[in-house]
Amino acid sequence: MAEPTQAPSAPTSEEAVKINWEEASSKDGTKYEVGRPDVPKPPTDENLVGSKADFQISVKWTVGGDSWIDTPLEVRNTTAIWRYKLHLSSHPFHKYVLEISITDDHYDYYFGDEE
């Protein structure tokens, strides 16, 4: 008879999200640390080397459940994104998750939020 296996433990919050710790000092010189989640910085003109120009297309994608939503033909032909899923996140630092499916064309995508 095979030995029962133990299920892996759930990751701790620090394992699930990398935290960058910075040392700081208060006005009276007391040292303390500030932890921030390691999230990508928004793109700037300096780090967009080799990327495609802005698509000049606006979309208004609605928050839904677990269902994929097909994009309009104009979006599909311009961006190679043929469907998306925008839903609430269970992650403590992000309110929403956007998932996309693309054709064989690959680009570096940057998304903005109207909020």
PDB file of N, CA and C in Angstrom:
ATOM      1  N   MET A   1       0.844  -1.172   0.000  1.00  0.00           N
ATOM      2  CA  MET A   1       0.000   0.000   0.000  1.00  0.00           C
ATOM      3  C   MET A   1       0.891   1.238   0.000  1.00  0.00           C
ATOM      4  N   ALA A   2       0.580   2.205  -0.816  1.00  0.00           N
ATOM      5  CA  ALA A   2       1.379   3.415  -0.930  1.00  0.00           C
ATOM      6  C   ALA A   2       1.180   4.306   0.284  1.00  0.00           C
ATOM      7  N   GLU A   3       2.260   4.990   0.647  1.00  0.00           N
ATOM      8  CA  GLU A   3       2.197   5.950   1.748  1.00  0.00           C
ATOM      9  C   GLU A   3       1.356   7.154   1.323  1.00  0.00           C
ATOM     10  N   PRO A   4       0.516   7.677   2.196  1.00  0.00           N
ATOM     11  CA  PRO A   4      -0.221   8.889   1.847  1.00  0.00           C
ATOM     12  C   PRO A   4       0.747  10.062   1.705  1.00  0.00           C
ATOM     13  N   THR A   5       0.478  10.900   0.751  1.00  0.00           N
ATOM     14  CA  THR A   5       1.340  12.069   0.561  1.00  0.00           C
ATOM     15  C   THR A   5       0.680  13.289   1.169  1.00  0.00           C
ATOM     16  N   GLN A   6       1.508  14.177   1.622  1.00  0.00           N
ATOM     17  CA  GLN A   6       1.000  15.391   2.236  1.00  0.00           C
ATOM     18  C   GLN A   6       0.880  16.462   1.163  1.00  0.00           C
ATOM     19  N   ALA A   7      -0.228  17.155   1.151  1.00  0.00           N
ATOM     20  CA  ALA A   7      -0.430  18.236   0.188  1.00  0.00           C
ATOM     21  C   ALA A   7       0.560  19.350   0.474  1.00  0.00           C
ATOM     22  N   PRO A   8       1.068  20.000  -0.602  1.00  0.00           N
ATOM     23  CA  PRO A   8       1.986  21.108  -0.364  1.00  0.00           C
ATOM     24  C   PRO A   8       1.292  22.232   0.384  1.00  0.00           C
ATOM     25  N   SER A   9       2.053  22.906   1.228  1.00  0.00           N
ATOM     26  CA  SER A   9       1.455  24.002   1.988  1.00  0.00           C
ATOM     27  C   SER A   9       1.268  25.209   1.079  1.00  0.00           C
ATOM     28  N   ALA A  10       0.289  26.000   1.400  1.00  0.00           N
ATOM     29  CA  ALA A  10       0.022  27.221   0.632  1.00  0.00           C
ATOM     30  C   ALA A  10       1.171  28.193   0.851  1.00  0.00           C
ATOM     31  N   PRO A  11       1.541  28.938  -0.202  1.00  0.00           N
ATOM     32  CA  PRO A  11       2.640  29.884  -0.029  1.00  0.00           C
ATOM     33  C   PRO A  11       2.261  30.983   0.954  1.00  0.00           C
ATOM     34  N   THR A  12       3.257  31.451   1.673  1.00  0.00           N
ATOM     35  CA  THR A  12       3.015  32.586   2.551  1.00  0.00           C
ATOM     36  C   THR A  12       2.873  33.824   1.687  1.00  0.00           C
ATOM     37  N   SER A  13       2.427  34.919   2.276  1.00  0.00           N
ATOM     38  CA  SER A  13       2.240  36.134   1.490  1.00  0.00           C
ATOM     39  C   SER A  13       3.560  36.610   0.893  1.00  0.00           C
ATOM     40  N   GLU A  14       4.686  36.409   1.588  1.00  0.00           N
ATOM     41  CA  GLU A  14       5.976  36.836   1.034  1.00  0.00           C
ATOM     42  C   GLU A  14       6.432  35.919  -0.082  1.00  0.00           C
ATOM     43  N   GLU A  15       6.061  34.632  -0.047  1.00  0.00           N
ATOM     44  CA  GLU A  15       6.416  33.720  -1.130  1.00  0.00           C
ATOM     45  C   GLU A  15       5.562  33.993  -2.366  1.00  0.00           C
ATOM     46  N   ALA A  16       4.310  34.324  -2.173  1.00  0.00           N
ATOM     47  CA  ALA A  16       3.396  34.543  -3.283  1.00  0.00           C
ATOM     48  C   ALA A  16       3.716  35.854  -3.997  1.00  0.00           C
ATOM     49  N   VAL A  17       4.135  36.857  -3.268  1.00  0.00           N
ATOM     50  CA  VAL A  17       4.455  38.164  -3.836  1.00  0.00           C
ATOM     51  C   VAL A  17       5.818  38.564  -3.301  1.00  0.00           C
ATOM     52  N   LYS A  18       6.747  38.838  -4.202  1.00  0.00           N
ATOM     53  CA  LYS A  18       8.073  39.274  -3.763  1.00  0.00           C
ATOM     54  C   LYS A  18       7.944  40.679  -3.182  1.00  0.00           C
ATOM     55  N   ILE A  19       8.492  40.852  -2.010  1.00  0.00           N
ATOM     56  CA  ILE A  19       8.457  42.144  -1.332  1.00  0.00           C
ATOM     57  C   ILE A  19       9.857  42.746  -1.358  1.00  0.00           C
ATOM     58  N   ASN A  20       9.963  43.975  -1.831  1.00  0.00           N
ATOM     59  CA  ASN A  20      11.224  44.715  -1.793  1.00  0.00           C
ATOM     60  C   ASN A  20      11.240  45.552  -0.524  1.00  0.00           C
ATOM     61  N   TRP A  21      12.292  45.371   0.293  1.00  0.00           N
ATOM     62  CA  TRP A  21      12.393  46.082   1.555  1.00  0.00           C
ATOM     63  C   TRP A  21      13.388  47.221   1.421  1.00  0.00           C
ATOM     64  N   GLU A  22      13.021  48.401   1.864  1.00  0.00           N
ATOM     65  CA  GLU A  22      13.886  49.573   1.835  1.00  0.00           C
ATOM     66  C   GLU A  22      14.045  50.098   3.260  1.00  0.00           C
ATOM     67  N   GLU A  23      15.282  50.412   3.608  1.00  0.00           N
ATOM     68  CA  GLU A  23      15.527  50.980   4.928  1.00  0.00           C
ATOM     69  C   GLU A  23      15.316  52.488   4.865  1.00  0.00           C
ATOM     70  N   ALA A  24      14.715  53.028   5.891  1.00  0.00           N
ATOM     71  CA  ALA A  24      14.472  54.471   5.967  1.00  0.00           C
ATOM     72  C   ALA A  24      14.718  54.924   7.395  1.00  0.00           C
ATOM     73  N   SER A  25      14.746  56.228   7.579  1.00  0.00           N
ATOM     74  CA  SER A  25      14.950  56.804   8.907  1.00  0.00           C
ATOM     75  C   SER A  25      13.898  57.871   9.166  1.00  0.00           C
ATOM     76  N   SER A  26      13.419  57.900  10.381  1.00  0.00           N
ATOM     77  CA  SER A  26      12.476  58.944  10.764  1.00  0.00           C
ATOM     78  C   SER A  26      13.246  60.236  11.023  1.00  0.00           C
ATOM     79  N   LYS A  27      12.532  61.329  11.283  1.00  0.00           N
ATOM     80  CA  LYS A  27      13.177  62.622  11.548  1.00  0.00           C
ATOM     81  C   LYS A  27      14.122  62.562  12.741  1.00  0.00           C
ATOM     82  N   ASP A  28      13.783  61.710  13.725  1.00  0.00           N
ATOM     83  CA  ASP A  28      14.646  61.629  14.912  1.00  0.00           C
ATOM     84  C   ASP A  28      15.761  60.586  14.751  1.00  0.00           C
ATOM     85  N   GLY A  29      15.881  60.002  13.548  1.00  0.00           N
ATOM     86  CA  GLY A  29      16.968  59.057  13.268  1.00  0.00           C
ATOM     87  C   GLY A  29      16.636  57.601  13.517  1.00  0.00           C
ATOM     88  N   THR A  30      15.406  57.300  13.949  1.00  0.00           N
ATOM     89  CA  THR A  30      15.008  55.916  14.172  1.00  0.00           C
ATOM     90  C   THR A  30      14.912  55.196  12.832  1.00  0.00           C
ATOM     91  N   LYS A  31      15.587  54.044  12.732  1.00  0.00           N
ATOM     92  CA  LYS A  31      15.581  53.270  11.494  1.00  0.00           C
ATOM     93  C   LYS A  31      14.332  52.390  11.447  1.00  0.00           C
ATOM     94  N   TYR A  32      13.780  52.232  10.241  1.00  0.00           N
ATOM     95  CA  TYR A  32      12.662  51.316  10.008  1.00  0.00           C
ATOM     96  C   TYR A  32      12.729  50.849   8.571  1.00  0.00           C
ATOM     97  N   GLU A  33      11.943  49.822   8.232  1.00  0.00           N
ATOM     98  CA  GLU A  33      11.914  49.294   6.871  1.00  0.00           C
ATOM     99  C   GLU A  33      10.519  49.429   6.291  1.00  0.00           C
ATOM    100  N   VAL A  34      10.464  49.668   4.991  1.00  0.00           N
ATOM    101  CA  VAL A  34       9.202  49.760   4.266  1.00  0.00           C
ATOM    102  C   VAL A  34       9.208  48.664   3.215  1.00  0.00           C
ATOM    103  N   GLY A  35       8.166  47.838   3.198  1.00  0.00           N
ATOM    104  CA  GLY A  35       8.050  46.767   2.207  1.00  0.00           C
ATOM    105  C   GLY A  35       7.053  47.141   1.132  1.00  0.00           C
ATOM    106  N   ARG A  36       7.470  46.964  -0.128  1.00  0.00           N
ATOM    107  CA  ARG A  36       6.586  47.248  -1.268  1.00  0.00           C
ATOM    108  C   ARG A  36       6.558  46.031  -2.176  1.00  0.00           C
ATOM    109  N   PRO A  37       5.403  45.731  -2.766  1.00  0.00           N
ATOM    110  CA  PRO A  37       5.350  44.583  -3.679  1.00  0.00           C
ATOM    111  C   PRO A  37       6.202  44.853  -4.915  1.00  0.00           C
ATOM    112  N   ASP A  38       6.839  43.811  -5.421  1.00  0.00           N
ATOM    113  CA  ASP A  38       7.664  43.916  -6.620  1.00  0.00           C
ATOM    114  C   ASP A  38       6.744  43.813  -7.833  1.00  0.00           C
ATOM    115  N   VAL A  39       6.353  44.960  -8.356  1.00  0.00           N
ATOM    116  CA  VAL A  39       5.480  44.992  -9.539  1.00  0.00           C
ATOM    117  C   VAL A  39       6.198  45.758 -10.640  1.00  0.00           C
ATOM    118  N   PRO A  40       5.945  45.395 -11.908  1.00  0.00           N
ATOM    119  CA  PRO A  40       6.616  46.091 -12.996  1.00  0.00           C
ATOM    120  C   PRO A  40       6.269  47.573 -13.020  1.00  0.00           C
ATOM    121  N   LYS A  41       7.257  48.377 -13.367  1.00  0.00           N
ATOM    122  CA  LYS A  41       7.022  49.813 -13.491  1.00  0.00           C
ATOM    123  C   LYS A  41       6.368  50.092 -14.837  1.00  0.00           C
ATOM    124  N   PRO A  42       5.517  51.116 -14.907  1.00  0.00           N
ATOM    125  CA  PRO A  42       4.892  51.462 -16.179  1.00  0.00           C
ATOM    126  C   PRO A  42       5.964  51.822 -17.202  1.00  0.00           C
ATOM    127  N   PRO A  43       5.699  51.553 -18.466  1.00  0.00           N
ATOM    128  CA  PRO A  43       6.694  51.851 -19.495  1.00  0.00           C
ATOM    129  C   PRO A  43       6.907  53.352 -19.647  1.00  0.00           C
ATOM    130  N   THR A  44       8.123  53.706 -20.011  1.00  0.00           N
ATOM    131  CA  THR A  44       8.443  55.088 -20.339  1.00  0.00           C
ATOM    132  C   THR A  44       8.998  55.098 -21.757  1.00  0.00           C
ATOM    133  N   ASP A  45       9.123  56.259 -22.334  1.00  0.00           N
ATOM    134  CA  ASP A  45       9.668  56.346 -23.687  1.00  0.00           C
ATOM    135  C   ASP A  45      11.064  55.730 -23.765  1.00  0.00           C
ATOM    136  N   GLU A  46      11.854  55.827 -22.684  1.00  0.00           N
ATOM    137  CA  GLU A  46      13.214  55.308 -22.689  1.00  0.00           C
ATOM    138  C   GLU A  46      13.258  53.785 -22.758  1.00  0.00           C
ATOM    139  N   ASN A  47      12.256  53.089 -22.173  1.00  0.00           N
ATOM    140  CA  ASN A  47      12.333  51.627 -22.181  1.00  0.00           C
ATOM    141  C   ASN A  47      11.375  50.985 -23.181  1.00  0.00           C
ATOM    142  N   LEU A  48      10.965  51.736 -24.186  1.00  0.00           N
ATOM    143  CA  LEU A  48      10.098  51.177 -25.226  1.00  0.00           C
ATOM    144  C   LEU A  48      10.876  50.853 -26.496  1.00  0.00           C
ATOM    145  N   VAL A  49      12.172  50.675 -26.383  1.00  0.00           N
ATOM    146  CA  VAL A  49      13.010  50.398 -27.543  1.00  0.00           C
ATOM    147  C   VAL A  49      12.517  49.136 -28.244  1.00  0.00           C
ATOM    148  N   GLY A  50      12.284  49.246 -29.544  1.00  0.00           N
ATOM    149  CA  GLY A  50      11.891  48.091 -30.336  1.00  0.00           C
ATOM    150  C   GLY A  50      10.424  47.714 -30.248  1.00  0.00           C
ATOM    151  N   SER A  51       9.627  48.445 -29.511  1.00  0.00           N
ATOM    152  CA  SER A  51       8.220  48.090 -29.425  1.00  0.00           C
ATOM    153  C   SER A  51       7.440  48.751 -30.557  1.00  0.00           C
ATOM    154  N   LYS A  52       6.277  48.249 -30.815  1.00  0.00           N
ATOM    155  CA  LYS A  52       5.425  48.796 -31.871  1.00  0.00           C
ATOM    156  C   LYS A  52       4.794  50.098 -31.377  1.00  0.00           C
ATOM    157  N   ALA A  53       4.545  50.987 -32.318  1.00  0.00           N
ATOM    158  CA  ALA A  53       3.895  52.245 -31.975  1.00  0.00           C
ATOM    159  C   ALA A  53       2.507  51.983 -31.398  1.00  0.00           C
ATOM    160  N   ASP A  54       1.991  52.955 -30.676  1.00  0.00           N
ATOM    161  CA  ASP A  54       0.649  52.876 -30.100  1.00  0.00           C
ATOM    162  C   ASP A  54      -0.340  52.471 -31.183  1.00  0.00           C
ATOM    163  N   PHE A  55      -1.238  51.572 -30.842  1.00  0.00           N
ATOM    164  CA  PHE A  55      -2.237  51.095 -31.802  1.00  0.00           C
ATOM    165  C   PHE A  55      -3.277  52.156 -32.156  1.00  0.00           C
ATOM    166  N   GLN A  56      -3.356  53.217 -31.354  1.00  0.00           N
ATOM    167  CA  GLN A  56      -4.364  54.265 -31.572  1.00  0.00           C
ATOM    168  C   GLN A  56      -5.769  53.677 -31.606  1.00  0.00           C
ATOM    169  N   ILE A  57      -6.026  52.792 -30.668  1.00  0.00           N
ATOM    170  CA  ILE A  57      -7.342  52.154 -30.589  1.00  0.00           C
ATOM    171  C   ILE A  57      -7.778  52.165 -29.127  1.00  0.00           C
ATOM    172  N   SER A  58      -9.024  52.484 -28.886  1.00  0.00           N
ATOM    173  CA  SER A  58      -9.580  52.454 -27.539  1.00  0.00           C
ATOM    174  C   SER A  58     -10.588  51.325 -27.439  1.00  0.00           C
ATOM    175  N   VAL A  59     -10.575  50.685 -26.309  1.00  0.00           N
ATOM    176  CA  VAL A  59     -11.552  49.629 -26.041  1.00  0.00           C
ATOM    177  C   VAL A  59     -12.176  49.910 -24.687  1.00  0.00           C
ATOM    178  N   LYS A  60     -13.367  49.456 -24.497  1.00  0.00           N
ATOM    179  CA  LYS A  60     -14.025  49.545 -23.196  1.00  0.00           C
ATOM    180  C   LYS A  60     -14.446  48.124 -22.837  1.00  0.00           C
ATOM    181  N   TRP A  61     -13.557  47.458 -22.125  1.00  0.00           N
ATOM    182  CA  TRP A  61     -13.798  46.083 -21.745  1.00  0.00           C
ATOM    183  C   TRP A  61     -14.466  46.059 -20.385  1.00  0.00           C
ATOM    184  N   THR A  62     -15.514  45.297 -20.282  1.00  0.00           N
ATOM    185  CA  THR A  62     -16.288  45.243 -19.045  1.00  0.00           C
ATOM    186  C   THR A  62     -15.789  44.120 -18.140  1.00  0.00           C
ATOM    187  N   VAL A  63     -15.931  44.341 -16.850  1.00  0.00           N
ATOM    188  CA  VAL A  63     -15.567  43.321 -15.878  1.00  0.00           C
ATOM    189  C   VAL A  63     -16.647  42.251 -15.903  1.00  0.00           C
ATOM    190  N   GLY A  64     -16.218  41.018 -16.026  1.00  0.00           N
ATOM    191  CA  GLY A  64     -17.152  39.899 -16.074  1.00  0.00           C
ATOM    192  C   GLY A  64     -16.681  38.791 -15.160  1.00  0.00           C
ATOM    193  N   GLY A  65     -17.189  37.624 -15.399  1.00  0.00           N
ATOM    194  CA  GLY A  65     -16.809  36.460 -14.600  1.00  0.00           C
ATOM    195  C   GLY A  65     -15.715  35.677 -15.286  1.00  0.00           C
ATOM    196  N   ASP A  66     -15.888  34.369 -15.346  1.00  0.00           N
ATOM    197  CA  ASP A  66     -14.879  33.497 -15.933  1.00  0.00           C
ATOM    198  C   ASP A  66     -15.082  33.256 -17.425  1.00  0.00           C
ATOM    199  N   SER A  67     -15.976  33.989 -18.055  1.00  0.00           N
ATOM    200  CA  SER A  67     -16.258  33.772 -19.473  1.00  0.00           C
ATOM    201  C   SER A  67     -15.357  34.631 -20.347  1.00  0.00           C
ATOM    202  N   TRP A  68     -14.844  34.036 -21.420  1.00  0.00           N
ATOM    203  CA  TRP A  68     -14.071  34.773 -22.409  1.00  0.00           C
ATOM    204  C   TRP A  68     -15.025  35.578 -23.278  1.00  0.00           C
ATOM    205  N   ILE A  69     -14.594  36.778 -23.672  1.00  0.00           N
ATOM    206  CA  ILE A  69     -15.402  37.641 -24.531  1.00  0.00           C
ATOM    207  C   ILE A  69     -14.600  37.915 -25.795  1.00  0.00           C
ATOM    208  N   ASP A  70     -15.189  37.641 -26.961  1.00  0.00           N
ATOM    209  CA  ASP A  70     -14.521  37.903 -28.229  1.00  0.00           C
ATOM    210  C   ASP A  70     -14.425  39.400 -28.470  1.00  0.00           C
ATOM    211  N   THR A  71     -13.286  39.840 -29.018  1.00  0.00           N
ATOM    212  CA  THR A  71     -13.105  41.256 -29.327  1.00  0.00           C
ATOM    213  C   THR A  71     -13.722  41.570 -30.690  1.00  0.00           C
ATOM    214  N   PRO A  72     -14.069  42.831 -30.937  1.00  0.00           N
ATOM    215  CA  PRO A  72     -14.571  43.213 -32.258  1.00  0.00           C
ATOM    216  C   PRO A  72     -13.479  43.005 -33.320  1.00  0.00           C
ATOM    217  N   LEU A  73     -13.889  42.856 -34.545  1.00  0.00           N
ATOM    218  CA  LEU A  73     -12.977  42.588 -35.654  1.00  0.00           C
ATOM    219  C   LEU A  73     -11.882  43.659 -35.772  1.00  0.00           C
ATOM    220  N   GLU A  74     -12.233  44.933 -35.569  1.00  0.00           N
ATOM    221  CA  GLU A  74     -11.231  46.006 -35.657  1.00  0.00           C
ATOM    222  C   GLU A  74     -10.129  45.803 -34.623  1.00  0.00           C
ATOM    223  N   VAL A  75     -10.500  45.446 -33.394  1.00  0.00           N
ATOM    224  CA  VAL A  75      -9.512  45.201 -32.339  1.00  0.00           C
ATOM    225  C   VAL A  75      -8.661  43.991 -32.706  1.00  0.00           C
ATOM    226  N   ARG A  76      -9.284  42.944 -33.166  1.00  0.00           N
ATOM    227  CA  ARG A  76      -8.570  41.715 -33.531  1.00  0.00           C
ATOM    228  C   ARG A  76      -7.566  41.974 -34.658  1.00  0.00           C
ATOM    229  N   ASN A  77      -7.989  42.692 -35.688  1.00  0.00           N
ATOM    230  CA  ASN A  77      -7.110  42.941 -36.833  1.00  0.00           C
ATOM    231  C   ASN A  77      -5.975  43.908 -36.499  1.00  0.00           C
ATOM    232  N   THR A  78      -6.216  44.845 -35.607  1.00  0.00           N
ATOM    233  CA  THR A  78      -5.211  45.854 -35.271  1.00  0.00           C
ATOM    234  C   THR A  78      -4.231  45.362 -34.227  1.00  0.00           C
ATOM    235  N   THR A  79      -4.711  44.671 -33.206  1.00  0.00           N
ATOM    236  CA  THR A  79      -3.875  44.327 -32.047  1.00  0.00           C
ATOM    237  C   THR A  79      -3.511  42.854 -31.946  1.00  0.00           C
ATOM    238  N   ALA A  80      -4.152  41.997 -32.708  1.00  0.00           N
ATOM    239  CA  ALA A  80      -3.979  40.539 -32.640  1.00  0.00           C
ATOM    240  C   ALA A  80      -4.600  39.945 -31.373  1.00  0.00           C
ATOM    241  N   ILE A  81      -5.372  40.733 -30.622  1.00  0.00           N
ATOM    242  CA  ILE A  81      -6.080  40.226 -29.442  1.00  0.00           C
ATOM    243  C   ILE A  81      -7.464  39.795 -29.896  1.00  0.00           C
ATOM    244  N   TRP A  82      -7.751  38.506 -29.785  1.00  0.00           N
ATOM    245  CA  TRP A  82      -9.043  38.039 -30.292  1.00  0.00           C
ATOM    246  C   TRP A  82     -10.069  37.740 -29.209  1.00  0.00           C
ATOM    247  N   ARG A  83      -9.628  37.698 -27.942  1.00  0.00           N
ATOM    248  CA  ARG A  83     -10.591  37.556 -26.847  1.00  0.00           C
ATOM    249  C   ARG A  83      -9.935  38.013 -25.555  1.00  0.00           C
ATOM    250  N   TYR A  84     -10.773  38.310 -24.573  1.00  0.00           N
ATOM    251  CA  TYR A  84     -10.268  38.761 -23.277  1.00  0.00           C
ATOM    252  C   TYR A  84     -11.182  38.278 -22.172  1.00  0.00           C
ATOM    253  N   LYS A  85     -10.633  38.339 -20.964  1.00  0.00           N
ATOM    254  CA  LYS A  85     -11.400  38.041 -19.748  1.00  0.00           C
ATOM    255  C   LYS A  85     -10.907  39.026 -18.693  1.00  0.00           C
ATOM    256  N   LEU A  86     -11.777  39.905 -18.227  1.00  0.00           N
ATOM    257  CA  LEU A  86     -11.449  40.892 -17.200  1.00  0.00           C
ATOM    258  C   LEU A  86     -12.297  40.564 -15.977  1.00  0.00           C
ATOM    259  N   HIS A  87     -11.625  40.234 -14.870  1.00  0.00           N
ATOM    260  CA  HIS A  87     -12.370  39.810 -13.679  1.00  0.00           C
ATOM    261  C   HIS A  87     -11.683  40.294 -12.416  1.00  0.00           C
ATOM    262  N   LEU A  88     -12.400  40.235 -11.311  1.00  0.00           N
ATOM    263  CA  LEU A  88     -11.859  40.629 -10.012  1.00  0.00           C
ATOM    264  C   LEU A  88     -10.716  39.704  -9.632  1.00  0.00           C
ATOM    265  N   SER A  89      -9.723  40.261  -8.957  1.00  0.00           N
ATOM    266  CA  SER A  89      -8.538  39.509  -8.562  1.00  0.00           C
ATOM    267  C   SER A  89      -8.653  39.063  -7.108  1.00  0.00           C
ATOM    268  N   SER A  90      -8.033  37.948  -6.808  1.00  0.00           N
ATOM    269  CA  SER A  90      -7.934  37.511  -5.408  1.00  0.00           C
ATOM    270  C   SER A  90      -6.600  37.952  -4.819  1.00  0.00           C
ATOM    271  N   HIS A  91      -5.776  38.606  -5.629  1.00  0.00           N
ATOM    272  CA  HIS A  91      -4.460  39.091  -5.205  1.00  0.00           C
ATOM    273  C   HIS A  91      -4.632  40.318  -4.310  1.00  0.00           C
ATOM    274  N   PRO A  92      -3.866  40.430  -3.229  1.00  0.00           N
ATOM    275  CA  PRO A  92      -4.069  41.559  -2.309  1.00  0.00           C
ATOM    276  C   PRO A  92      -3.658  42.927  -2.861  1.00  0.00           C
ATOM    277  N   PHE A  93      -2.840  42.976  -3.913  1.00  0.00           N
ATOM    278  CA  PHE A  93      -2.354  44.250  -4.408  1.00  0.00           C
ATOM    279  C   PHE A  93      -2.990  44.691  -5.724  1.00  0.00           C
ATOM    280  N   HIS A  94      -3.792  43.841  -6.335  1.00  0.00           N
ATOM    281  CA  HIS A  94      -4.403  44.162  -7.619  1.00  0.00           C
ATOM    282  C   HIS A  94      -5.905  43.928  -7.541  1.00  0.00           C
ATOM    283  N   LYS A  95      -6.693  44.877  -8.017  1.00  0.00           N
ATOM    284  CA  LYS A  95      -8.146  44.753  -7.939  1.00  0.00           C
ATOM    285  C   LYS A  95      -8.697  43.872  -9.059  1.00  0.00           C
ATOM    286  N   TYR A  96      -8.082  43.962 -10.260  1.00  0.00           N
ATOM    287  CA  TYR A  96      -8.585  43.227 -11.414  1.00  0.00           C
ATOM    288  C   TYR A  96      -7.475  42.439 -12.089  1.00  0.00           C
ATOM    289  N   VAL A  97      -7.868  41.430 -12.865  1.00  0.00           N
ATOM    290  CA  VAL A  97      -6.963  40.658 -13.708  1.00  0.00           C
ATOM    291  C   VAL A  97      -7.502  40.727 -15.126  1.00  0.00           C
ATOM    292  N   LEU A  98      -6.625  41.035 -16.075  1.00  0.00           N
ATOM    293  CA  LEU A  98      -6.981  41.034 -17.496  1.00  0.00           C
ATOM    294  C   LEU A  98      -6.205  39.913 -18.159  1.00  0.00           C
ATOM    295  N   GLU A  99      -6.930  38.977 -18.760  1.00  0.00           N
ATOM    296  CA  GLU A  99      -6.316  37.899 -19.523  1.00  0.00           C
ATOM    297  C   GLU A  99      -6.671  38.125 -20.988  1.00  0.00           C
ATOM    298  N   ILE A 100      -5.709  37.874 -21.879  1.00  0.00           N
ATOM    299  CA  ILE A 100      -5.967  38.039 -23.303  1.00  0.00           C
ATOM    300  C   ILE A 100      -5.490  36.811 -24.050  1.00  0.00           C
ATOM    301  N   SER A 101      -6.118  36.538 -25.186  1.00  0.00           N
ATOM    302  CA  SER A 101      -5.663  35.509 -26.125  1.00  0.00           C
ATOM    303  C   SER A 101      -5.296  36.236 -27.406  1.00  0.00           C
ATOM    304  N   ILE A 102      -4.132  35.881 -27.961  1.00  0.00           N
ATOM    305  CA  ILE A 102      -3.666  36.561 -29.163  1.00  0.00           C
ATOM    306  C   ILE A 102      -3.457  35.567 -30.292  1.00  0.00           C
ATOM    307  N   THR A 103      -3.388  36.111 -31.519  1.00  0.00           N
ATOM    308  CA  THR A 103      -3.066  35.288 -32.678  1.00  0.00           C
ATOM    309  C   THR A 103      -1.564  35.049 -32.681  1.00  0.00           C
ATOM    310  N   ASP A 104      -1.017  34.665 -33.781  1.00  0.00           N
ATOM    311  CA  ASP A 104       0.416  34.390 -33.869  1.00  0.00           C
ATOM    312  C   ASP A 104       1.278  35.641 -33.815  1.00  0.00           C
ATOM    313  N   ASP A 105       0.683  36.828 -34.010  1.00  0.00           N
ATOM    314  CA  ASP A 105       1.448  38.067 -33.907  1.00  0.00           C
ATOM    315  C   ASP A 105       1.721  38.349 -32.432  1.00  0.00           C
ATOM    316  N   HIS A 106       2.927  38.792 -32.134  1.00  0.00           N
ATOM    317  CA  HIS A 106       3.289  39.066 -30.741  1.00  0.00           C
ATOM    318  C   HIS A 106       3.768  40.500 -30.614  1.00  0.00           C
ATOM    319  N   TYR A 107       3.250  41.199 -29.621  1.00  0.00           N
ATOM    320  CA  TYR A 107       3.635  42.574 -29.350  1.00  0.00           C
ATOM    321  C   TYR A 107       3.844  42.727 -27.850  1.00  0.00           C
ATOM    322  N   ASP A 108       4.500  43.817 -27.473  1.00  0.00           N
ATOM    323  CA  ASP A 108       4.553  44.198 -26.062  1.00  0.00           C
ATOM    324  C   ASP A 108       3.328  45.066 -25.823  1.00  0.00           C
ATOM    325  N   TYR A 109       2.400  44.572 -25.014  1.00  0.00           N
ATOM    326  CA  TYR A 109       1.161  45.299 -24.764  1.00  0.00           C
ATOM    327  C   TYR A 109       1.286  46.114 -23.484  1.00  0.00           C
ATOM    328  N   TYR A 110       0.731  47.317 -23.499  1.00  0.00           N
ATOM    329  CA  TYR A 110       0.647  48.161 -22.323  1.00  0.00           C
ATOM    330  C   TYR A 110      -0.796  48.635 -22.218  1.00  0.00           C
ATOM    331  N   PHE A 111      -1.395  48.401 -21.056  1.00  0.00           N
ATOM    332  CA  PHE A 111      -2.791  48.741 -20.862  1.00  0.00           C
ATOM    333  C   PHE A 111      -2.910  49.826 -19.814  1.00  0.00           C
ATOM    334  N   GLY A 112      -3.877  50.707 -20.017  1.00  0.00           N
ATOM    335  CA  GLY A 112      -4.185  51.736 -19.043  1.00  0.00           C
ATOM    336  C   GLY A 112      -5.587  51.530 -18.523  1.00  0.00           C
ATOM    337  N   ASP A 113      -5.870  52.174 -17.420  1.00  0.00           N
ATOM    338  CA  ASP A 113      -7.179  52.065 -16.795  1.00  0.00           C
ATOM    339  C   ASP A 113      -7.771  53.453 -16.714  1.00  0.00           C
ATOM    340  N   GLU A 114      -9.065  53.547 -16.898  1.00  0.00           N
ATOM    341  CA  GLU A 114      -9.693  54.869 -16.849  1.00  0.00           C
ATOM    342  C   GLU A 114      -9.845  55.378 -15.430  1.00  0.00           C
ATOM    343  N   GLU A 115      -9.622  54.553 -14.428  1.00  0.00           N
ATOM    344  CA  GLU A 115      -9.728  55.006 -13.031  1.00  0.00           C
ATOM    345  C   GLU A 115      -8.496  55.757 -12.604  1.00  0.00           C
TER     346      GLU A 115
END
